[in-house]
Amino acid sequence: MDKPTIVINGVRVEPANPKMKVWREFQRSIENDLYNKRLDEFLQEHIRLIIIAFGKPDVVNEDSIDENLEISEVVPLFRKLFIWLQAVIFERTVKFPNEEREKE
């Protein structure tokens, strides 16, 4: 799966290779049931997670997102990042040896 990107001041930015901190933060957001929060809290949490996922706070931060991302793009970008994180995890796990298959 292609990495999601964001355009900041005309420059396309890709997220850094994800660390466990990113995965844990995304998982925590699911457990916190964002859909029962006020709209401003809902969007703010998505923006916070986008910033964490990109791992480049000097480039992708609250100010740069406010200036470069349309409000309608926040949730779709978050979802793309989450799907991408899952793909990264599973892409590597399918490469693990399968002892059962090797016995056949």
PDB file of N, CA and C in Angstrom:
ATOM      1  N   MET A   1       0.843  -1.179   0.000  1.00  0.00           N
ATOM      2  CA  MET A   1       0.000   0.000   0.000  1.00  0.00           C
ATOM      3  C   MET A   1       0.885   1.238   0.000  1.00  0.00           C
ATOM      4  N   ASP A   2       0.495   2.228  -0.784  1.00  0.00           N
ATOM      5  CA  ASP A   2       1.237   3.477  -0.839  1.00  0.00           C
ATOM      6  C   ASP A   2       1.080   4.258   0.463  1.00  0.00           C
ATOM      7  N   LYS A   3       2.135   4.965   0.826  1.00  0.00           N
ATOM      8  CA  LYS A   3       2.061   5.811   2.002  1.00  0.00           C
ATOM      9  C   LYS A   3       1.122   6.980   1.736  1.00  0.00           C
ATOM     10  N   PRO A   4       0.281   7.306   2.709  1.00  0.00           N
ATOM     11  CA  PRO A   4      -0.525   8.511   2.573  1.00  0.00           C
ATOM     12  C   PRO A   4       0.399   9.730   2.587  1.00  0.00           C
ATOM     13  N   THR A   5      -0.021  10.800   1.979  1.00  0.00           N
ATOM     14  CA  THR A   5       0.794  12.006   1.965  1.00  0.00           C
ATOM     15  C   THR A   5      -0.061  13.207   2.333  1.00  0.00           C
ATOM     16  N   ILE A   6       0.630  14.272   2.655  1.00  0.00           N
ATOM     17  CA  ILE A   6      -0.011  15.551   2.908  1.00  0.00           C
ATOM     18  C   ILE A   6       0.834  16.606   2.186  1.00  0.00           C
ATOM     19  N   VAL A   7       0.189  17.623   1.658  1.00  0.00           N
ATOM     20  CA  VAL A   7       0.913  18.696   0.983  1.00  0.00           C
ATOM     21  C   VAL A   7       0.958  19.893   1.931  1.00  0.00           C
ATOM     22  N   ILE A   8       2.175  20.267   2.311  1.00  0.00           N
ATOM     23  CA  ILE A   8       2.407  21.398   3.198  1.00  0.00           C
ATOM     24  C   ILE A   8       3.191  22.448   2.430  1.00  0.00           C
ATOM     25  N   ASN A   9       2.588  23.605   2.250  1.00  0.00           N
ATOM     26  CA  ASN A   9       3.223  24.712   1.514  1.00  0.00           C
ATOM     27  C   ASN A   9       3.753  24.252   0.155  1.00  0.00           C
ATOM     28  N   GLY A  10       2.949  23.439  -0.530  1.00  0.00           N
ATOM     29  CA  GLY A  10       3.304  22.993  -1.871  1.00  0.00           C
ATOM     30  C   GLY A  10       4.261  21.821  -1.931  1.00  0.00           C
ATOM     31  N   VAL A  11       4.675  21.304  -0.779  1.00  0.00           N
ATOM     32  CA  VAL A  11       5.616  20.180  -0.733  1.00  0.00           C
ATOM     33  C   VAL A  11       4.886  18.941  -0.229  1.00  0.00           C
ATOM     34  N   ARG A  12       4.984  17.848  -0.988  1.00  0.00           N
ATOM     35  CA  ARG A  12       4.351  16.587  -0.586  1.00  0.00           C
ATOM     36  C   ARG A  12       5.210  15.933   0.495  1.00  0.00           C
ATOM     37  N   VAL A  13       4.570  15.611   1.620  1.00  0.00           N
ATOM     38  CA  VAL A  13       5.270  15.034   2.770  1.00  0.00           C
ATOM     39  C   VAL A  13       4.717  13.635   3.034  1.00  0.00           C
ATOM     40  N   GLU A  14       5.616  12.670   3.199  1.00  0.00           N
ATOM     41  CA  GLU A  14       5.243  11.299   3.552  1.00  0.00           C
ATOM     42  C   GLU A  14       5.475  11.092   5.043  1.00  0.00           C
ATOM     43  N   PRO A  15       4.708  10.201   5.660  1.00  0.00           N
ATOM     44  CA  PRO A  15       4.949   9.908   7.069  1.00  0.00           C
ATOM     45  C   PRO A  15       6.265   9.148   7.253  1.00  0.00           C
ATOM     46  N   ALA A  16       6.836   9.322   8.427  1.00  0.00           N
ATOM     47  CA  ALA A  16       8.037   8.565   8.780  1.00  0.00           C
ATOM     48  C   ALA A  16       7.645   7.100   8.943  1.00  0.00           C
ATOM     49  N   ASN A  17       8.616   6.207   8.880  1.00  0.00           N
ATOM     50  CA  ASN A  17       8.332   4.799   9.152  1.00  0.00           C
ATOM     51  C   ASN A  17       7.764   4.702  10.566  1.00  0.00           C
ATOM     52  N   PRO A  18       6.630   4.019  10.719  1.00  0.00           N
ATOM     53  CA  PRO A  18       5.932   4.038  12.009  1.00  0.00           C
ATOM     54  C   PRO A  18       6.669   3.276  13.101  1.00  0.00           C
ATOM     55  N   LYS A  19       6.601   3.850  14.279  1.00  0.00           N
ATOM     56  CA  LYS A  19       7.137   3.232  15.492  1.00  0.00           C
ATOM     57  C   LYS A  19       5.965   2.731  16.325  1.00  0.00           C
ATOM     58  N   MET A  20       6.237   1.955  17.337  1.00  0.00           N
ATOM     59  CA  MET A  20       5.177   1.425  18.195  1.00  0.00           C
ATOM     60  C   MET A  20       4.355   2.535  18.850  1.00  0.00           C
ATOM     61  N   LYS A  21       4.985   3.655  19.153  1.00  0.00           N
ATOM     62  CA  LYS A  21       4.264   4.773  19.767  1.00  0.00           C
ATOM     63  C   LYS A  21       3.090   5.190  18.888  1.00  0.00           C
ATOM     64  N   VAL A  22       3.300   5.223  17.591  1.00  0.00           N
ATOM     65  CA  VAL A  22       2.241   5.619  16.658  1.00  0.00           C
ATOM     66  C   VAL A  22       1.097   4.624  16.732  1.00  0.00           C
ATOM     67  N   TRP A  23       1.414   3.342  16.666  1.00  0.00           N
ATOM     68  CA  TRP A  23       0.376   2.313  16.722  1.00  0.00           C
ATOM     69  C   TRP A  23      -0.413   2.408  18.027  1.00  0.00           C
ATOM     70  N   ARG A  24       0.291   2.568  19.140  1.00  0.00           N
ATOM     71  CA  ARG A  24      -0.388   2.645  20.439  1.00  0.00           C
ATOM     72  C   ARG A  24      -1.323   3.843  20.513  1.00  0.00           C
ATOM     73  N   GLU A  25      -0.895   4.960  19.976  1.00  0.00           N
ATOM     74  CA  GLU A  25      -1.747   6.159  19.993  1.00  0.00           C
ATOM     75  C   GLU A  25      -2.999   5.961  19.144  1.00  0.00           C
ATOM     76  N   PHE A  26      -2.862   5.341  17.990  1.00  0.00           N
ATOM     77  CA  PHE A  26      -4.025   5.076  17.145  1.00  0.00           C
ATOM     78  C   PHE A  26      -4.960   4.086  17.840  1.00  0.00           C
ATOM     79  N   GLN A  27      -4.411   3.059  18.463  1.00  0.00           N
ATOM     80  CA  GLN A  27      -5.231   2.090  19.183  1.00  0.00           C
ATOM     81  C   GLN A  27      -5.966   2.750  20.337  1.00  0.00           C
ATOM     82  N   ARG A  28      -5.269   3.610  21.067  1.00  0.00           N
ATOM     83  CA  ARG A  28      -5.884   4.319  22.190  1.00  0.00           C
ATOM     84  C   ARG A  28      -7.054   5.170  21.714  1.00  0.00           C
ATOM     85  N   SER A  29      -6.924   5.747  20.539  1.00  0.00           N
ATOM     86  CA  SER A  29      -8.008   6.588  20.022  1.00  0.00           C
ATOM     87  C   SER A  29      -9.257   5.759  19.743  1.00  0.00           C
ATOM     88  N   ILE A  30      -9.081   4.539  19.301  1.00  0.00           N
ATOM     89  CA  ILE A  30     -10.224   3.657  19.052  1.00  0.00           C
ATOM     90  C   ILE A  30     -10.904   3.311  20.374  1.00  0.00           C
ATOM     91  N   GLU A  31     -10.099   3.031  21.379  1.00  0.00           N
ATOM     92  CA  GLU A  31     -10.645   2.687  22.692  1.00  0.00           C
ATOM     93  C   GLU A  31     -11.382   3.858  23.327  1.00  0.00           C
ATOM     94  N   ASN A  32     -10.999   5.089  22.983  1.00  0.00           N
ATOM     95  CA  ASN A  32     -11.617   6.280  23.561  1.00  0.00           C
ATOM     96  C   ASN A  32     -12.924   6.663  22.885  1.00  0.00           C
ATOM     97  N   ASP A  33     -13.341   5.931  21.872  1.00  0.00           N
ATOM     98  CA  ASP A  33     -14.613   6.165  21.190  1.00  0.00           C
ATOM     99  C   ASP A  33     -14.764   7.630  20.782  1.00  0.00           C
ATOM    100  N   LEU A  34     -13.964   8.024  19.825  1.00  0.00           N
ATOM    101  CA  LEU A  34     -13.974   9.405  19.355  1.00  0.00           C
ATOM    102  C   LEU A  34     -15.332   9.863  18.840  1.00  0.00           C
ATOM    103  N   TYR A  35     -16.142   8.933  18.425  1.00  0.00           N
ATOM    104  CA  TYR A  35     -17.411   9.303  17.808  1.00  0.00           C
ATOM    105  C   TYR A  35     -18.439   9.831  18.804  1.00  0.00           C
ATOM    106  N   ASN A  36     -18.172   9.718  20.079  1.00  0.00           N
ATOM    107  CA  ASN A  36     -19.074  10.270  21.085  1.00  0.00           C
ATOM    108  C   ASN A  36     -18.555  11.579  21.668  1.00  0.00           C
ATOM    109  N   LYS A  37     -17.568  12.171  21.045  1.00  0.00           N
ATOM    110  CA  LYS A  37     -17.028  13.449  21.500  1.00  0.00           C
ATOM    111  C   LYS A  37     -17.657  14.596  20.717  1.00  0.00           C
ATOM    112  N   ARG A  38     -17.506  15.799  21.249  1.00  0.00           N
ATOM    113  CA  ARG A  38     -17.952  16.990  20.517  1.00  0.00           C
ATOM    114  C   ARG A  38     -17.125  17.103  19.243  1.00  0.00           C
ATOM    115  N   LEU A  39     -17.672  17.764  18.239  1.00  0.00           N
ATOM    116  CA  LEU A  39     -17.011  17.860  16.938  1.00  0.00           C
ATOM    117  C   LEU A  39     -15.617  18.466  17.046  1.00  0.00           C
ATOM    118  N   ASP A  40     -15.457  19.526  17.834  1.00  0.00           N
ATOM    119  CA  ASP A  40     -14.133  20.142  17.946  1.00  0.00           C
ATOM    120  C   ASP A  40     -13.127  19.197  18.600  1.00  0.00           C
ATOM    121  N   GLU A  41     -13.546  18.426  19.599  1.00  0.00           N
ATOM    122  CA  GLU A  41     -12.660  17.446  20.231  1.00  0.00           C
ATOM    123  C   GLU A  41     -12.328  16.312  19.257  1.00  0.00           C
ATOM    124  N   PHE A  42     -13.330  15.893  18.518  1.00  0.00           N
ATOM    125  CA  PHE A  42     -13.171  14.836  17.520  1.00  0.00           C
ATOM    126  C   PHE A  42     -12.110  15.223  16.489  1.00  0.00           C
ATOM    127  N   LEU A  43     -12.234  16.424  15.926  1.00  0.00           N
ATOM    128  CA  LEU A  43     -11.273  16.889  14.915  1.00  0.00           C
ATOM    129  C   LEU A  43      -9.893  17.121  15.521  1.00  0.00           C
ATOM    130  N   GLN A  44      -9.849  17.695  16.705  1.00  0.00           N
ATOM    131  CA  GLN A  44      -8.560  17.958  17.357  1.00  0.00           C
ATOM    132  C   GLN A  44      -7.796  16.672  17.610  1.00  0.00           C
ATOM    133  N   GLU A  45      -8.495  15.622  18.019  1.00  0.00           N
ATOM    134  CA  GLU A  45      -7.838  14.333  18.254  1.00  0.00           C
ATOM    135  C   GLU A  45      -7.327  13.727  16.953  1.00  0.00           C
ATOM    136  N   HIS A  46      -8.078  13.862  15.893  1.00  0.00           N
ATOM    137  CA  HIS A  46      -7.623  13.364  14.591  1.00  0.00           C
ATOM    138  C   HIS A  46      -6.384  14.132  14.130  1.00  0.00           C
ATOM    139  N   ILE A  47      -6.377  15.427  14.321  1.00  0.00           N
ATOM    140  CA  ILE A  47      -5.210  16.241  13.948  1.00  0.00           C
ATOM    141  C   ILE A  47      -3.995  15.821  14.776  1.00  0.00           C
ATOM    142  N   ARG A  48      -4.192  15.600  16.063  1.00  0.00           N
ATOM    143  CA  ARG A  48      -3.082  15.163  16.932  1.00  0.00           C
ATOM    144  C   ARG A  48      -2.498  13.842  16.428  1.00  0.00           C
ATOM    145  N   LEU A  49      -3.358  12.928  16.043  1.00  0.00           N
ATOM    146  CA  LEU A  49      -2.891  11.629  15.557  1.00  0.00           C
ATOM    147  C   LEU A  49      -2.206  11.738  14.193  1.00  0.00           C
ATOM    148  N   ILE A  50      -2.679  12.614  13.353  1.00  0.00           N
ATOM    149  CA  ILE A  50      -2.019  12.849  12.059  1.00  0.00           C
ATOM    150  C   ILE A  50      -0.603  13.356  12.296  1.00  0.00           C
ATOM    151  N   ILE A  51      -0.459  14.291  13.215  1.00  0.00           N
ATOM    152  CA  ILE A  51       0.868  14.846  13.531  1.00  0.00           C
ATOM    153  C   ILE A  51       1.796  13.738  14.035  1.00  0.00           C
ATOM    154  N   ILE A  52       1.291  12.899  14.939  1.00  0.00           N
ATOM    155  CA  ILE A  52       2.093  11.791  15.478  1.00  0.00           C
ATOM    156  C   ILE A  52       2.469  10.821  14.361  1.00  0.00           C
ATOM    157  N   ALA A  53       1.509  10.497  13.497  1.00  0.00           N
ATOM    158  CA  ALA A  53       1.766   9.524  12.432  1.00  0.00           C
ATOM    159  C   ALA A  53       2.830  10.003  11.458  1.00  0.00           C
ATOM    160  N   PHE A  54       2.829  11.280  11.134  1.00  0.00           N
ATOM    161  CA  PHE A  54       3.835  11.780  10.195  1.00  0.00           C
ATOM    162  C   PHE A  54       5.207  11.851  10.842  1.00  0.00           C
ATOM    163  N   GLY A  55       5.272  12.013  12.151  1.00  0.00           N
ATOM    164  CA  GLY A  55       6.551  11.986  12.851  1.00  0.00           C
ATOM    165  C   GLY A  55       7.518  13.078  12.435  1.00  0.00           C
ATOM    166  N   LYS A  56       6.979  14.177  11.936  1.00  0.00           N
ATOM    167  CA  LYS A  56       7.806  15.308  11.498  1.00  0.00           C
ATOM    168  C   LYS A  56       7.167  16.599  12.007  1.00  0.00           C
ATOM    169  N   PRO A  57       7.186  16.792  13.347  1.00  0.00           N
ATOM    170  CA  PRO A  57       6.458  17.929  13.925  1.00  0.00           C
ATOM    171  C   PRO A  57       6.970  19.299  13.492  1.00  0.00           C
ATOM    172  N   ASP A  58       8.186  19.343  12.961  1.00  0.00           N
ATOM    173  CA  ASP A  58       8.683  20.618  12.452  1.00  0.00           C
ATOM    174  C   ASP A  58       8.012  20.982  11.124  1.00  0.00           C
ATOM    175  N   VAL A  59       7.452  19.981  10.425  1.00  0.00           N
ATOM    176  CA  VAL A  59       6.793  20.205   9.133  1.00  0.00           C
ATOM    177  C   VAL A  59       5.280  20.025   9.257  1.00  0.00           C
ATOM    178  N   VAL A  60       4.868  18.896   9.824  1.00  0.00           N
ATOM    179  CA  VAL A  60       3.446  18.593   9.981  1.00  0.00           C
ATOM    180  C   VAL A  60       3.090  18.830  11.446  1.00  0.00           C
ATOM    181  N   ASN A  61       2.442  19.941  11.686  1.00  0.00           N
ATOM    182  CA  ASN A  61       2.040  20.324  13.036  1.00  0.00           C
ATOM    183  C   ASN A  61       0.666  20.982  12.965  1.00  0.00           C
ATOM    184  N   GLU A  62       0.159  21.376  14.088  1.00  0.00           N
ATOM    185  CA  GLU A  62      -1.194  21.942  14.113  1.00  0.00           C
ATOM    186  C   GLU A  62      -1.311  23.167  13.210  1.00  0.00           C
ATOM    187  N   ASP A  63      -0.329  24.045  13.249  1.00  0.00           N
ATOM    188  CA  ASP A  63      -0.376  25.245  12.406  1.00  0.00           C
ATOM    189  C   ASP A  63      -0.342  24.909  10.924  1.00  0.00           C
ATOM    190  N   SER A  64       0.559  24.008  10.526  1.00  0.00           N
ATOM    191  CA  SER A  64       0.666  23.681   9.104  1.00  0.00           C
ATOM    192  C   SER A  64      -0.571  22.930   8.608  1.00  0.00           C
ATOM    193  N   ILE A  65      -1.165  22.121   9.472  1.00  0.00           N
ATOM    194  CA  ILE A  65      -2.403  21.446   9.093  1.00  0.00           C
ATOM    195  C   ILE A  65      -3.531  22.465   8.956  1.00  0.00           C
ATOM    196  N   ASP A  66      -3.617  23.392   9.902  1.00  0.00           N
ATOM    197  CA  ASP A  66      -4.647  24.435   9.836  1.00  0.00           C
ATOM    198  C   ASP A  66      -4.557  25.240   8.540  1.00  0.00           C
ATOM    199  N   GLU A  67      -3.352  25.483   8.096  1.00  0.00           N
ATOM    200  CA  GLU A  67      -3.140  26.320   6.920  1.00  0.00           C
ATOM    201  C   GLU A  67      -3.244  25.559   5.590  1.00  0.00           C
ATOM    202  N   ASN A  68      -3.013  24.249   5.601  1.00  0.00           N
ATOM    203  CA  ASN A  68      -2.872  23.508   4.346  1.00  0.00           C
ATOM    204  C   ASN A  68      -3.883  22.396   4.116  1.00  0.00           C
ATOM    205  N   LEU A  69      -4.649  22.032   5.114  1.00  0.00           N
ATOM    206  CA  LEU A  69      -5.572  20.919   4.974  1.00  0.00           C
ATOM    207  C   LEU A  69      -7.004  21.430   5.121  1.00  0.00           C
ATOM    208  N   GLU A  70      -7.840  21.070   4.168  1.00  0.00           N
ATOM    209  CA  GLU A  70      -9.246  21.441   4.282  1.00  0.00           C
ATOM    210  C   GLU A  70      -9.885  20.604   5.382  1.00  0.00           C
ATOM    211  N   ILE A  71     -10.850  21.163   6.044  1.00  0.00           N
ATOM    212  CA  ILE A  71     -11.490  20.460   7.157  1.00  0.00           C
ATOM    213  C   ILE A  71     -12.062  19.118   6.722  1.00  0.00           C
ATOM    214  N   SER A  72     -12.550  19.053   5.490  1.00  0.00           N
ATOM    215  CA  SER A  72     -13.127  17.807   4.993  1.00  0.00           C
ATOM    216  C   SER A  72     -12.066  16.740   4.718  1.00  0.00           C
ATOM    217  N   GLU A  73     -10.794  17.090   4.773  1.00  0.00           N
ATOM    218  CA  GLU A  73      -9.711  16.141   4.510  1.00  0.00           C
ATOM    219  C   GLU A  73      -9.144  15.512   5.775  1.00  0.00           C
ATOM    220  N   VAL A  74      -9.501  16.044   6.951  1.00  0.00           N
ATOM    221  CA  VAL A  74      -8.908  15.575   8.206  1.00  0.00           C
ATOM    222  C   VAL A  74      -9.237  14.111   8.474  1.00  0.00           C
ATOM    223  N   VAL A  75     -10.497  13.770   8.509  1.00  0.00           N
ATOM    224  CA  VAL A  75     -10.885  12.397   8.845  1.00  0.00           C
ATOM    225  C   VAL A  75     -10.443  11.412   7.767  1.00  0.00           C
ATOM    226  N   PRO A  76     -10.618  11.717   6.473  1.00  0.00           N
ATOM    227  CA  PRO A  76     -10.115  10.772   5.466  1.00  0.00           C
ATOM    228  C   PRO A  76      -8.601  10.536   5.559  1.00  0.00           C
ATOM    229  N   LEU A  77      -7.825  11.583   5.861  1.00  0.00           N
ATOM    230  CA  LEU A  77      -6.376  11.393   6.011  1.00  0.00           C
ATOM    231  C   LEU A  77      -6.080  10.512   7.208  1.00  0.00           C
ATOM    232  N   PHE A  78      -6.773  10.736   8.301  1.00  0.00           N
ATOM    233  CA  PHE A  78      -6.608   9.888   9.485  1.00  0.00           C
ATOM    234  C   PHE A  78      -6.882   8.431   9.131  1.00  0.00           C
ATOM    235  N   ARG A  79      -7.971   8.179   8.422  1.00  0.00           N
ATOM    236  CA  ARG A  79      -8.335   6.805   8.051  1.00  0.00           C
ATOM    237  C   ARG A  79      -7.294   6.179   7.132  1.00  0.00           C
ATOM    238  N   LYS A  80      -6.795   6.950   6.169  1.00  0.00           N
ATOM    239  CA  LYS A  80      -5.744   6.436   5.282  1.00  0.00           C
ATOM    240  C   LYS A  80      -4.506   6.061   6.080  1.00  0.00           C
ATOM    241  N   LEU A  81      -4.146   6.914   7.039  1.00  0.00           N
ATOM    242  CA  LEU A  81      -2.981   6.631   7.875  1.00  0.00           C
ATOM    243  C   LEU A  81      -3.194   5.355   8.693  1.00  0.00           C
ATOM    244  N   PHE A  82      -4.381   5.187   9.243  1.00  0.00           N
ATOM    245  CA  PHE A  82      -4.670   4.008  10.052  1.00  0.00           C
ATOM    246  C   PHE A  82      -4.631   2.737   9.208  1.00  0.00           C
ATOM    247  N   ILE A  83      -5.211   2.783   8.036  1.00  0.00           N
ATOM    248  CA  ILE A  83      -5.175   1.629   7.129  1.00  0.00           C
ATOM    249  C   ILE A  83      -3.739   1.327   6.716  1.00  0.00           C
ATOM    250  N   TRP A  84      -2.972   2.375   6.443  1.00  0.00           N
ATOM    251  CA  TRP A  84      -1.566   2.202   6.070  1.00  0.00           C
ATOM    252  C   TRP A  84      -0.779   1.562   7.222  1.00  0.00           C
ATOM    253  N   LEU A  85      -1.018   2.021   8.460  1.00  0.00           N
ATOM    254  CA  LEU A  85      -0.339   1.429   9.616  1.00  0.00           C
ATOM    255  C   LEU A  85      -0.644  -0.061   9.718  1.00  0.00           C
ATOM    256  N   GLN A  86      -1.905  -0.418   9.542  1.00  0.00           N
ATOM    257  CA  GLN A  86      -2.285  -1.825   9.593  1.00  0.00           C
ATOM    258  C   GLN A  86      -1.600  -2.611   8.481  1.00  0.00           C
ATOM    259  N   ALA A  87      -1.536  -2.029   7.295  1.00  0.00           N
ATOM    260  CA  ALA A  87      -0.889  -2.710   6.167  1.00  0.00           C
ATOM    261  C   ALA A  87       0.593  -2.930   6.443  1.00  0.00           C
ATOM    262  N   VAL A  88       1.245  -1.950   7.052  1.00  0.00           N
ATOM    263  CA  VAL A  88       2.672  -2.087   7.381  1.00  0.00           C
ATOM    264  C   VAL A  88       2.872  -3.240   8.352  1.00  0.00           C
ATOM    265  N   ILE A  89       2.022  -3.325   9.354  1.00  0.00           N
ATOM    266  CA  ILE A  89       2.139  -4.402  10.344  1.00  0.00           C
ATOM    267  C   ILE A  89       1.935  -5.759   9.686  1.00  0.00           C
ATOM    268  N   PHE A  90       0.854  -5.901   8.928  1.00  0.00           N
ATOM    269  CA  PHE A  90       0.538  -7.199   8.352  1.00  0.00           C
ATOM    270  C   PHE A  90       1.456  -7.569   7.198  1.00  0.00           C
ATOM    271  N   GLU A  91       1.974  -6.574   6.514  1.00  0.00           N
ATOM    272  CA  GLU A  91       2.916  -6.843   5.427  1.00  0.00           C
ATOM    273  C   GLU A  91       4.141  -7.575   5.957  1.00  0.00           C
ATOM    274  N   ARG A  92       4.589  -7.181   7.101  1.00  0.00           N
ATOM    275  CA  ARG A  92       5.782  -7.804   7.674  1.00  0.00           C
ATOM    276  C   ARG A  92       5.464  -9.126   8.353  1.00  0.00           C
ATOM    277  N   THR A  93       4.264  -9.245   8.915  1.00  0.00           N
ATOM    278  CA  THR A  93       3.958 -10.494   9.611  1.00  0.00           C
ATOM    279  C   THR A  93       3.723 -11.646   8.646  1.00  0.00           C
ATOM    280  N   VAL A  94       3.283 -11.381   7.434  1.00  0.00           N
ATOM    281  CA  VAL A  94       3.090 -12.477   6.480  1.00  0.00           C
ATOM    282  C   VAL A  94       4.422 -13.075   6.044  1.00  0.00           C
ATOM    283  N   LYS A  95       5.492 -12.401   6.325  1.00  0.00           N
ATOM    284  CA  LYS A  95       6.815 -12.907   5.965  1.00  0.00           C
ATOM    285  C   LYS A  95       7.384 -13.842   7.036  1.00  0.00           C
ATOM    286  N   PHE A  96       6.694 -13.940   8.198  1.00  0.00           N
ATOM    287  CA  PHE A  96       7.149 -14.840   9.243  1.00  0.00           C
ATOM    288  C   PHE A  96       7.025 -16.281   8.758  1.00  0.00           C
ATOM    289  N   PRO A  97       7.947 -17.143   9.147  1.00  0.00           N
ATOM    290  CA  PRO A  97       7.846 -18.550   8.750  1.00  0.00           C
ATOM    291  C   PRO A  97       6.590 -19.182   9.341  1.00  0.00           C
ATOM    292  N   ASN A  98       5.979 -20.037   8.586  1.00  0.00           N
ATOM    293  CA  ASN A  98       4.794 -20.749   9.041  1.00  0.00           C
ATOM    294  C   ASN A  98       5.188 -22.222   9.209  1.00  0.00           C
ATOM    295  N   GLU A  99       5.378 -22.634  10.451  1.00  0.00           N
ATOM    296  CA  GLU A  99       5.859 -24.000  10.721  1.00  0.00           C
ATOM    297  C   GLU A  99       4.883 -25.043  10.208  1.00  0.00           C
ATOM    298  N   GLU A 100       3.592 -24.788  10.303  1.00  0.00           N
ATOM    299  CA  GLU A 100       2.599 -25.747   9.841  1.00  0.00           C
ATOM    300  C   GLU A 100       2.707 -25.946   8.327  1.00  0.00           C
ATOM    301  N   ARG A 101       2.868 -24.852   7.608  1.00  0.00           N
ATOM    302  CA  ARG A 101       2.969 -24.943   6.144  1.00  0.00           C
ATOM    303  C   ARG A 101       4.261 -25.642   5.741  1.00  0.00           C
ATOM    304  N   GLU A 102       5.339 -25.413   6.483  1.00  0.00           N
ATOM    305  CA  GLU A 102       6.624 -26.024   6.161  1.00  0.00           C
ATOM    306  C   GLU A 102       6.609 -27.535   6.363  1.00  0.00           C
ATOM    307  N   LYS A 103       5.736 -28.039   7.254  1.00  0.00           N
ATOM    308  CA  LYS A 103       5.648 -29.479   7.517  1.00  0.00           C
ATOM    309  C   LYS A 103       4.948 -30.223   6.389  1.00  0.00           C
ATOM    310  N   GLU A 104       4.137 -29.528   5.625  1.00  0.00           N
ATOM    311  CA  GLU A 104       3.370 -30.181   4.548  1.00  0.00           C
ATOM    312  C   GLU A 104       4.221 -30.584   3.392  1.00  0.00           C
TER     313      GLU A 104
END
